[in-house]
Each structure stands twice: as structure tokens, then as C-alpha cells.
Amino acid sequence: MKVLSMIQPWASLFVHRETTYETRSWRTNYRGPLAIHTSKKIDKDVSNHIAIKSLLGKHGYTPENLPTGQIIAVCKLVDCLKVTENNETWAILEDGRIVSGNDYFMGDFKLGGYAWVVEDMQMLDEFIPAKGKLGLWEHVLIL
């Protein structure tokens, strides 16, 4: 299965659907099953932001207990949309959809970047320890 590593707290916020998009500077043509892996790195400054702490708290997380170095969820990657306009508080994607609010606040919607769109996010009952990699990588998952 293809796997995407994400830094915390972004991985947990994405998996719990507090944000709709995962933003990347690069495009992928891959569509299909995708596992979400939490890297060993935690962005402590972001994790301690009052709004982020509140969102994490809704799911029982604190900056101290975020899972790291594990595959925590699976989903289906259905699209990868280019950011065509950024207005500093909202952005427009190539298909015309407008990104604002928490989705904008929790993403990196630089002009020319990409918003990855997923469906069917499912948290794993048991997380799978794994060493992450850059880009999309392969891992054998038995679900």
C-alpha cells in the first residue's frame, strides 16, 4: 500500500478530519488506497497553539501524547488539485472550489502547490510501527 508520512499534529488533525486537505508542494498522479504515517517529528510550536490544542483535545490528544513513527489510518486518495489563487485568508483550487476557515488555516495553500483530496478515512484499531520516508512509499499492510 502507498503510504504518506506527515508531521504531527497535522497527521492526527487530518486523520480526524479537522482539515479536509493535505497540502504538498508536489503533485502525484497516484489515486487509490493510501495509509497515513506519523513521522517521528512533532511541530511543538504548532501543537501548543491554543486553537490546535483545542482541536487535538476533542480527540483526546495533547502535544505530549501524539502518536509518532506509526501508520495510524487508511483512506483513498481521490484527487490532487493545484492551488490557482491565494488571497491570504482563502484559496481557490483548480476545480473552482474555495478553501477557507480551518481548512485554510491548517494548510499551506501557496500558489502552485497542491491540495490532496481523500475519502473514506479510517483510523486503525491498532497502529503499525514504521519508519517513514519522503514522498509516497510502499508498506505491506495486512488489514
N, C-alpha and C. Protein backbone atom coordinates (compact mmCIF):
# COMPACT_ATOMS: atom_id res chain seq x y z
N MET A 1 0.85 -1.18 0.00
CA MET A 1 0.00 0.00 0.00
C MET A 1 0.89 1.23 0.00
N LYS A 2 0.45 2.26 -0.71
CA LYS A 2 1.16 3.54 -0.70
C LYS A 2 0.95 4.18 0.67
N VAL A 3 2.00 4.85 1.15
CA VAL A 3 1.97 5.49 2.47
C VAL A 3 2.49 6.92 2.32
N LEU A 4 1.88 7.83 3.07
CA LEU A 4 2.33 9.22 3.14
C LEU A 4 2.67 9.54 4.58
N SER A 5 3.90 10.00 4.82
CA SER A 5 4.31 10.42 6.16
C SER A 5 3.95 11.88 6.36
N MET A 6 3.44 12.18 7.56
CA MET A 6 3.07 13.54 7.91
C MET A 6 3.60 13.86 9.30
N ILE A 7 3.99 15.11 9.48
CA ILE A 7 4.45 15.60 10.78
C ILE A 7 3.23 15.80 11.68
N GLN A 8 3.41 15.55 12.96
CA GLN A 8 2.36 15.85 13.94
C GLN A 8 2.42 17.33 14.31
N PRO A 9 1.32 18.00 14.60
CA PRO A 9 -0.01 17.48 14.81
C PRO A 9 -0.84 17.33 13.54
N TRP A 10 -0.24 17.70 12.38
CA TRP A 10 -1.01 17.71 11.14
C TRP A 10 -1.59 16.34 10.82
N ALA A 11 -0.83 15.27 11.06
CA ALA A 11 -1.32 13.93 10.73
C ALA A 11 -2.60 13.60 11.49
N SER A 12 -2.58 13.81 12.80
CA SER A 12 -3.77 13.48 13.60
C SER A 12 -4.95 14.38 13.25
N LEU A 13 -4.70 15.65 12.99
CA LEU A 13 -5.80 16.56 12.62
C LEU A 13 -6.41 16.15 11.28
N PHE A 14 -5.56 15.72 10.34
CA PHE A 14 -6.05 15.27 9.04
C PHE A 14 -6.84 13.97 9.17
N VAL A 15 -6.31 13.03 9.92
CA VAL A 15 -6.97 11.73 10.10
C VAL A 15 -8.32 11.89 10.79
N HIS A 16 -8.40 12.81 11.74
CA HIS A 16 -9.67 13.05 12.45
C HIS A 16 -10.57 14.03 11.71
N ARG A 17 -10.16 14.38 10.49
CA ARG A 17 -10.95 15.22 9.57
C ARG A 17 -11.20 16.63 10.10
N GLU A 18 -10.29 17.11 10.92
CA GLU A 18 -10.37 18.51 11.33
C GLU A 18 -9.95 19.41 10.18
N THR A 19 -9.28 18.84 9.21
CA THR A 19 -8.96 19.53 7.97
C THR A 19 -9.24 18.58 6.81
N THR A 20 -9.72 19.13 5.74
CA THR A 20 -10.15 18.33 4.59
C THR A 20 -8.98 17.94 3.69
N TYR A 21 -7.97 18.81 3.59
CA TYR A 21 -6.91 18.63 2.61
C TYR A 21 -5.55 18.41 3.27
N GLU A 22 -4.71 17.65 2.60
CA GLU A 22 -3.29 17.61 2.92
C GLU A 22 -2.60 18.39 1.81
N THR A 23 -1.86 19.41 2.19
CA THR A 23 -1.21 20.25 1.18
C THR A 23 0.25 19.85 1.02
N ARG A 24 0.67 19.84 -0.22
CA ARG A 24 2.04 19.47 -0.58
C ARG A 24 2.53 20.40 -1.67
N SER A 25 3.85 20.51 -1.79
CA SER A 25 4.43 21.32 -2.86
C SER A 25 4.49 20.54 -4.17
N TRP A 26 4.21 19.25 -4.09
CA TRP A 26 4.32 18.39 -5.26
C TRP A 26 3.03 17.64 -5.55
N ARG A 27 2.88 17.33 -6.83
CA ARG A 27 1.69 16.64 -7.33
C ARG A 27 1.97 15.13 -7.38
N THR A 28 0.93 14.36 -7.26
CA THR A 28 1.02 12.93 -7.54
C THR A 28 -0.09 12.55 -8.49
N ASN A 29 0.21 11.63 -9.38
CA ASN A 29 -0.82 11.09 -10.28
C ASN A 29 -1.46 9.85 -9.68
N TYR A 30 -0.92 9.40 -8.56
CA TYR A 30 -1.46 8.20 -7.91
C TYR A 30 -2.86 8.48 -7.37
N ARG A 31 -3.75 7.52 -7.57
CA ARG A 31 -5.09 7.54 -6.97
C ARG A 31 -5.35 6.14 -6.43
N GLY A 32 -5.90 6.07 -5.23
CA GLY A 32 -6.20 4.76 -4.68
C GLY A 32 -5.93 4.71 -3.19
N PRO A 33 -5.82 3.50 -2.64
CA PRO A 33 -5.62 3.34 -1.20
C PRO A 33 -4.35 4.05 -0.73
N LEU A 34 -4.45 4.68 0.43
CA LEU A 34 -3.33 5.45 0.99
C LEU A 34 -3.34 5.29 2.50
N ALA A 35 -2.19 4.96 3.05
CA ALA A 35 -2.04 4.89 4.51
C ALA A 35 -1.41 6.19 4.99
N ILE A 36 -1.78 6.62 6.18
CA ILE A 36 -1.22 7.84 6.78
C ILE A 36 -0.28 7.44 7.91
N HIS A 37 0.96 7.89 7.80
CA HIS A 37 2.02 7.59 8.75
C HIS A 37 2.40 8.88 9.49
N THR A 38 2.61 8.75 10.80
CA THR A 38 3.06 9.89 11.59
C THR A 38 4.57 9.83 11.71
N SER A 39 5.23 10.88 11.28
CA SER A 39 6.69 10.90 11.39
C SER A 39 7.09 11.01 12.86
N LYS A 40 8.36 10.85 13.11
CA LYS A 40 8.87 10.96 14.49
C LYS A 40 8.85 12.42 14.95
N LYS A 41 8.81 13.34 13.98
CA LYS A 41 8.88 14.77 14.30
C LYS A 41 7.50 15.31 14.71
N ILE A 42 7.51 16.12 15.76
CA ILE A 42 6.31 16.85 16.18
C ILE A 42 6.65 18.34 16.13
N ASP A 43 5.81 19.12 15.47
CA ASP A 43 5.98 20.57 15.46
C ASP A 43 5.41 21.09 16.78
N LYS A 44 6.29 21.29 17.76
CA LYS A 44 5.87 21.68 19.11
C LYS A 44 5.21 23.05 19.13
N ASP A 45 5.74 24.00 18.34
CA ASP A 45 5.14 25.34 18.33
C ASP A 45 3.70 25.29 17.86
N VAL A 46 3.46 24.57 16.78
CA VAL A 46 2.09 24.45 16.25
C VAL A 46 1.23 23.68 17.25
N SER A 47 1.76 22.59 17.79
CA SER A 47 0.99 21.76 18.71
C SER A 47 0.55 22.51 19.96
N ASN A 48 1.30 23.53 20.33
CA ASN A 48 0.98 24.31 21.53
C ASN A 48 0.14 25.55 21.24
N HIS A 49 -0.18 25.80 19.97
CA HIS A 49 -1.07 26.91 19.62
C HIS A 49 -2.45 26.63 20.23
N ILE A 50 -3.06 27.61 20.81
CA ILE A 50 -4.32 27.42 21.54
C ILE A 50 -5.41 26.76 20.68
N ALA A 51 -5.53 27.19 19.44
CA ALA A 51 -6.58 26.62 18.56
C ALA A 51 -6.27 25.16 18.23
N ILE A 52 -5.01 24.86 17.96
CA ILE A 52 -4.62 23.49 17.64
C ILE A 52 -4.78 22.59 18.86
N LYS A 53 -4.37 23.09 20.03
CA LYS A 53 -4.55 22.31 21.26
C LYS A 53 -6.02 21.98 21.50
N SER A 54 -6.88 22.92 21.20
CA SER A 54 -8.32 22.70 21.37
C SER A 54 -8.82 21.61 20.42
N LEU A 55 -8.40 21.67 19.16
CA LEU A 55 -8.82 20.65 18.18
C LEU A 55 -8.27 19.28 18.55
N LEU A 56 -7.01 19.22 18.98
CA LEU A 56 -6.44 17.95 19.41
C LEU A 56 -7.19 17.39 20.62
N GLY A 57 -7.53 18.27 21.54
CA GLY A 57 -8.23 17.86 22.76
C GLY A 57 -9.56 17.20 22.49
N LYS A 58 -10.24 17.60 21.41
CA LYS A 58 -11.51 16.97 21.05
C LYS A 58 -11.36 15.47 20.81
N HIS A 59 -10.12 15.05 20.50
CA HIS A 59 -9.87 13.65 20.16
C HIS A 59 -8.98 12.97 21.21
N GLY A 60 -8.84 13.62 22.37
CA GLY A 60 -8.08 13.03 23.47
C GLY A 60 -6.58 13.19 23.37
N TYR A 61 -6.13 14.07 22.49
CA TYR A 61 -4.69 14.27 22.32
C TYR A 61 -4.22 15.55 23.00
N THR A 62 -2.97 15.51 23.41
CA THR A 62 -2.23 16.69 23.86
C THR A 62 -0.93 16.69 23.06
N PRO A 63 -0.19 17.79 23.09
CA PRO A 63 1.10 17.77 22.38
C PRO A 63 2.04 16.66 22.89
N GLU A 64 1.80 16.18 24.09
CA GLU A 64 2.68 15.17 24.68
C GLU A 64 2.30 13.72 24.31
N ASN A 65 1.06 13.47 23.90
CA ASN A 65 0.67 12.07 23.65
C ASN A 65 0.32 11.77 22.19
N LEU A 66 0.75 12.62 21.28
CA LEU A 66 0.50 12.36 19.86
C LEU A 66 1.30 11.13 19.40
N PRO A 67 0.67 10.24 18.64
CA PRO A 67 1.41 9.07 18.14
C PRO A 67 2.46 9.49 17.11
N THR A 68 3.63 8.88 17.18
CA THR A 68 4.70 9.16 16.21
C THR A 68 5.30 7.85 15.74
N GLY A 69 5.84 7.88 14.52
CA GLY A 69 6.50 6.71 13.97
C GLY A 69 5.58 5.53 13.73
N GLN A 70 4.31 5.83 13.39
CA GLN A 70 3.33 4.76 13.23
C GLN A 70 2.37 5.06 12.09
N ILE A 71 1.88 4.03 11.45
CA ILE A 71 0.78 4.16 10.50
C ILE A 71 -0.49 4.14 11.32
N ILE A 72 -1.28 5.21 11.21
CA ILE A 72 -2.45 5.36 12.09
C ILE A 72 -3.79 5.27 11.38
N ALA A 73 -3.78 5.35 10.04
CA ALA A 73 -5.06 5.37 9.33
C ALA A 73 -4.88 4.96 7.87
N VAL A 74 -5.99 4.63 7.25
CA VAL A 74 -6.02 4.38 5.81
C VAL A 74 -7.18 5.18 5.20
N CYS A 75 -7.01 5.54 3.94
CA CYS A 75 -8.04 6.30 3.23
C CYS A 75 -7.87 6.02 1.74
N LYS A 76 -8.58 6.76 0.94
CA LYS A 76 -8.48 6.64 -0.50
C LYS A 76 -8.15 8.02 -1.06
N LEU A 77 -7.02 8.12 -1.75
CA LEU A 77 -6.65 9.37 -2.41
C LEU A 77 -7.43 9.48 -3.71
N VAL A 78 -8.25 10.52 -3.82
CA VAL A 78 -9.14 10.63 -4.98
C VAL A 78 -8.78 11.78 -5.92
N ASP A 79 -7.98 12.75 -5.44
CA ASP A 79 -7.62 13.86 -6.31
C ASP A 79 -6.42 14.61 -5.76
N CYS A 80 -5.81 15.37 -6.62
CA CYS A 80 -4.66 16.20 -6.27
C CYS A 80 -4.84 17.49 -7.06
N LEU A 81 -5.26 18.55 -6.37
CA LEU A 81 -5.69 19.78 -7.04
C LEU A 81 -4.70 20.92 -6.84
N LYS A 82 -4.35 21.57 -7.92
CA LYS A 82 -3.42 22.69 -7.88
C LYS A 82 -4.09 23.92 -7.26
N VAL A 83 -3.33 24.65 -6.46
CA VAL A 83 -3.80 25.92 -5.89
C VAL A 83 -3.59 26.99 -6.96
N THR A 84 -4.68 27.60 -7.41
CA THR A 84 -4.59 28.57 -8.50
C THR A 84 -4.68 30.02 -8.03
N GLU A 85 -5.13 30.22 -6.79
CA GLU A 85 -5.24 31.57 -6.25
C GLU A 85 -5.15 31.50 -4.73
N ASN A 86 -4.40 32.44 -4.15
CA ASN A 86 -4.29 32.53 -2.70
C ASN A 86 -4.53 33.97 -2.30
N ASN A 87 -5.52 34.17 -1.42
CA ASN A 87 -5.91 35.52 -1.02
C ASN A 87 -5.62 35.80 0.46
N GLU A 88 -4.67 35.07 1.03
CA GLU A 88 -4.17 35.23 2.40
C GLU A 88 -5.11 34.75 3.49
N THR A 89 -6.40 34.62 3.22
CA THR A 89 -7.33 34.00 4.18
C THR A 89 -8.19 32.94 3.52
N TRP A 90 -8.06 32.81 2.22
CA TRP A 90 -8.77 31.79 1.47
C TRP A 90 -8.05 31.53 0.16
N ALA A 91 -8.29 30.36 -0.42
CA ALA A 91 -7.63 29.99 -1.66
C ALA A 91 -8.63 29.35 -2.61
N ILE A 92 -8.26 29.31 -3.88
CA ILE A 92 -9.08 28.65 -4.89
C ILE A 92 -8.26 27.54 -5.52
N LEU A 93 -8.90 26.36 -5.64
CA LEU A 93 -8.25 25.22 -6.27
C LEU A 93 -8.64 25.15 -7.74
N GLU A 94 -7.89 24.36 -8.51
CA GLU A 94 -8.08 24.33 -9.96
C GLU A 94 -9.48 23.91 -10.39
N ASP A 95 -10.22 23.21 -9.55
CA ASP A 95 -11.58 22.82 -9.93
C ASP A 95 -12.61 23.87 -9.50
N GLY A 96 -12.12 25.01 -8.97
CA GLY A 96 -13.01 26.11 -8.61
C GLY A 96 -13.44 26.12 -7.15
N ARG A 97 -13.14 25.07 -6.40
CA ARG A 97 -13.58 25.08 -5.00
C ARG A 97 -12.76 26.08 -4.20
N ILE A 98 -13.45 26.68 -3.24
CA ILE A 98 -12.84 27.68 -2.37
C ILE A 98 -12.49 27.03 -1.04
N VAL A 99 -11.28 27.28 -0.59
CA VAL A 99 -10.80 26.75 0.69
C VAL A 99 -10.70 27.91 1.67
N SER A 100 -11.36 27.78 2.83
CA SER A 100 -11.33 28.86 3.83
C SER A 100 -11.45 28.26 5.22
N GLY A 101 -11.51 29.10 6.22
CA GLY A 101 -11.69 28.64 7.60
C GLY A 101 -10.56 27.75 8.05
N ASN A 102 -10.90 26.73 8.87
CA ASN A 102 -9.88 25.82 9.39
C ASN A 102 -9.10 25.12 8.28
N ASP A 103 -9.77 24.77 7.19
CA ASP A 103 -9.05 24.12 6.10
C ASP A 103 -7.91 25.00 5.61
N TYR A 104 -8.17 26.29 5.47
CA TYR A 104 -7.12 27.21 5.01
C TYR A 104 -6.07 27.41 6.10
N PHE A 105 -6.52 27.62 7.33
CA PHE A 105 -5.63 27.87 8.46
C PHE A 105 -4.66 26.71 8.67
N MET A 106 -5.11 25.48 8.44
CA MET A 106 -4.29 24.31 8.72
C MET A 106 -3.60 23.73 7.49
N GLY A 107 -3.57 24.49 6.40
CA GLY A 107 -2.88 24.03 5.21
C GLY A 107 -1.86 25.04 4.73
N ASP A 108 -1.12 24.66 3.71
CA ASP A 108 -0.13 25.54 3.10
C ASP A 108 -0.56 25.73 1.64
N PHE A 109 -1.42 26.72 1.44
CA PHE A 109 -2.05 26.92 0.14
C PHE A 109 -1.28 27.92 -0.72
N LYS A 110 0.03 27.69 -0.84
CA LYS A 110 0.85 28.54 -1.70
C LYS A 110 0.42 28.37 -3.14
N LEU A 111 0.47 29.46 -3.88
CA LEU A 111 0.16 29.42 -5.30
C LEU A 111 1.05 28.39 -5.98
N GLY A 112 0.44 27.48 -6.73
CA GLY A 112 1.20 26.45 -7.42
C GLY A 112 1.38 25.18 -6.61
N GLY A 113 0.99 25.19 -5.33
CA GLY A 113 1.05 23.99 -4.50
C GLY A 113 -0.15 23.09 -4.80
N TYR A 114 -0.27 22.01 -4.05
CA TYR A 114 -1.32 21.04 -4.32
C TYR A 114 -2.08 20.65 -3.05
N ALA A 115 -3.37 20.48 -3.21
CA ALA A 115 -4.24 20.01 -2.13
C ALA A 115 -4.66 18.59 -2.47
N TRP A 116 -4.27 17.66 -1.61
CA TRP A 116 -4.63 16.26 -1.81
C TRP A 116 -6.00 16.02 -1.19
N VAL A 117 -6.87 15.36 -1.95
CA VAL A 117 -8.24 15.11 -1.52
C VAL A 117 -8.41 13.61 -1.26
N VAL A 118 -8.92 13.28 -0.07
CA VAL A 118 -9.11 11.88 0.29
C VAL A 118 -10.55 11.62 0.70
N GLU A 119 -10.92 10.36 0.67
CA GLU A 119 -12.24 9.90 1.14
C GLU A 119 -12.04 8.68 2.02
N ASP A 120 -13.09 8.33 2.72
CA ASP A 120 -13.14 7.07 3.49
C ASP A 120 -12.00 6.92 4.49
N MET A 121 -11.70 7.99 5.22
CA MET A 121 -10.64 7.92 6.23
C MET A 121 -11.07 6.97 7.35
N GLN A 122 -10.20 6.03 7.70
CA GLN A 122 -10.48 5.07 8.76
C GLN A 122 -9.26 4.95 9.67
N MET A 123 -9.45 5.31 10.93
CA MET A 123 -8.39 5.15 11.92
C MET A 123 -8.19 3.65 12.16
N LEU A 124 -6.96 3.24 12.25
CA LEU A 124 -6.67 1.83 12.54
C LEU A 124 -6.95 1.53 14.01
N ASP A 125 -7.45 0.33 14.29
CA ASP A 125 -7.67 -0.09 15.68
C ASP A 125 -6.35 -0.23 16.40
N GLU A 126 -5.35 -0.73 15.69
CA GLU A 126 -4.00 -0.85 16.24
C GLU A 126 -3.04 -0.18 15.29
N PHE A 127 -2.26 0.78 15.80
CA PHE A 127 -1.29 1.47 14.98
C PHE A 127 -0.13 0.54 14.65
N ILE A 128 0.49 0.79 13.49
CA ILE A 128 1.56 -0.06 12.99
C ILE A 128 2.88 0.71 13.00
N PRO A 129 3.83 0.31 13.83
CA PRO A 129 5.13 0.99 13.84
C PRO A 129 5.79 0.89 12.47
N ALA A 130 6.34 2.00 12.01
CA ALA A 130 7.01 2.01 10.71
C ALA A 130 7.95 3.21 10.64
N LYS A 131 9.03 3.03 9.91
CA LYS A 131 9.97 4.11 9.68
C LYS A 131 9.51 4.85 8.43
N GLY A 132 9.30 6.13 8.55
CA GLY A 132 8.79 6.92 7.44
C GLY A 132 9.83 7.22 6.38
N LYS A 133 9.35 7.73 5.26
CA LYS A 133 10.21 8.13 4.15
C LYS A 133 9.60 9.38 3.51
N LEU A 134 10.39 10.05 2.71
CA LEU A 134 9.89 11.20 1.96
C LEU A 134 9.09 10.71 0.76
N GLY A 135 8.14 11.52 0.33
CA GLY A 135 7.32 11.16 -0.82
C GLY A 135 6.34 10.05 -0.47
N LEU A 136 5.78 9.45 -1.48
CA LEU A 136 4.93 8.28 -1.29
C LEU A 136 5.84 7.06 -1.23
N TRP A 137 5.57 6.18 -0.30
CA TRP A 137 6.39 4.98 -0.16
C TRP A 137 5.50 3.77 0.04
N GLU A 138 6.07 2.60 -0.09
CA GLU A 138 5.31 1.34 -0.01
C GLU A 138 5.50 0.67 1.33
N HIS A 139 4.41 0.09 1.84
CA HIS A 139 4.47 -0.72 3.04
C HIS A 139 3.41 -1.81 2.92
N VAL A 140 3.76 -3.03 3.30
CA VAL A 140 2.81 -4.12 3.24
C VAL A 140 1.91 -4.01 4.48
N LEU A 141 0.63 -3.80 4.25
CA LEU A 141 -0.34 -3.70 5.33
C LEU A 141 -1.30 -4.86 5.26
N ILE A 142 -1.48 -5.52 6.36
CA ILE A 142 -2.47 -6.58 6.44
C ILE A 142 -3.58 -6.05 7.35
N LEU A 143 -4.68 -5.69 6.73
CA LEU A 143 -5.79 -5.07 7.48
C LEU A 143 -6.88 -6.06 7.77
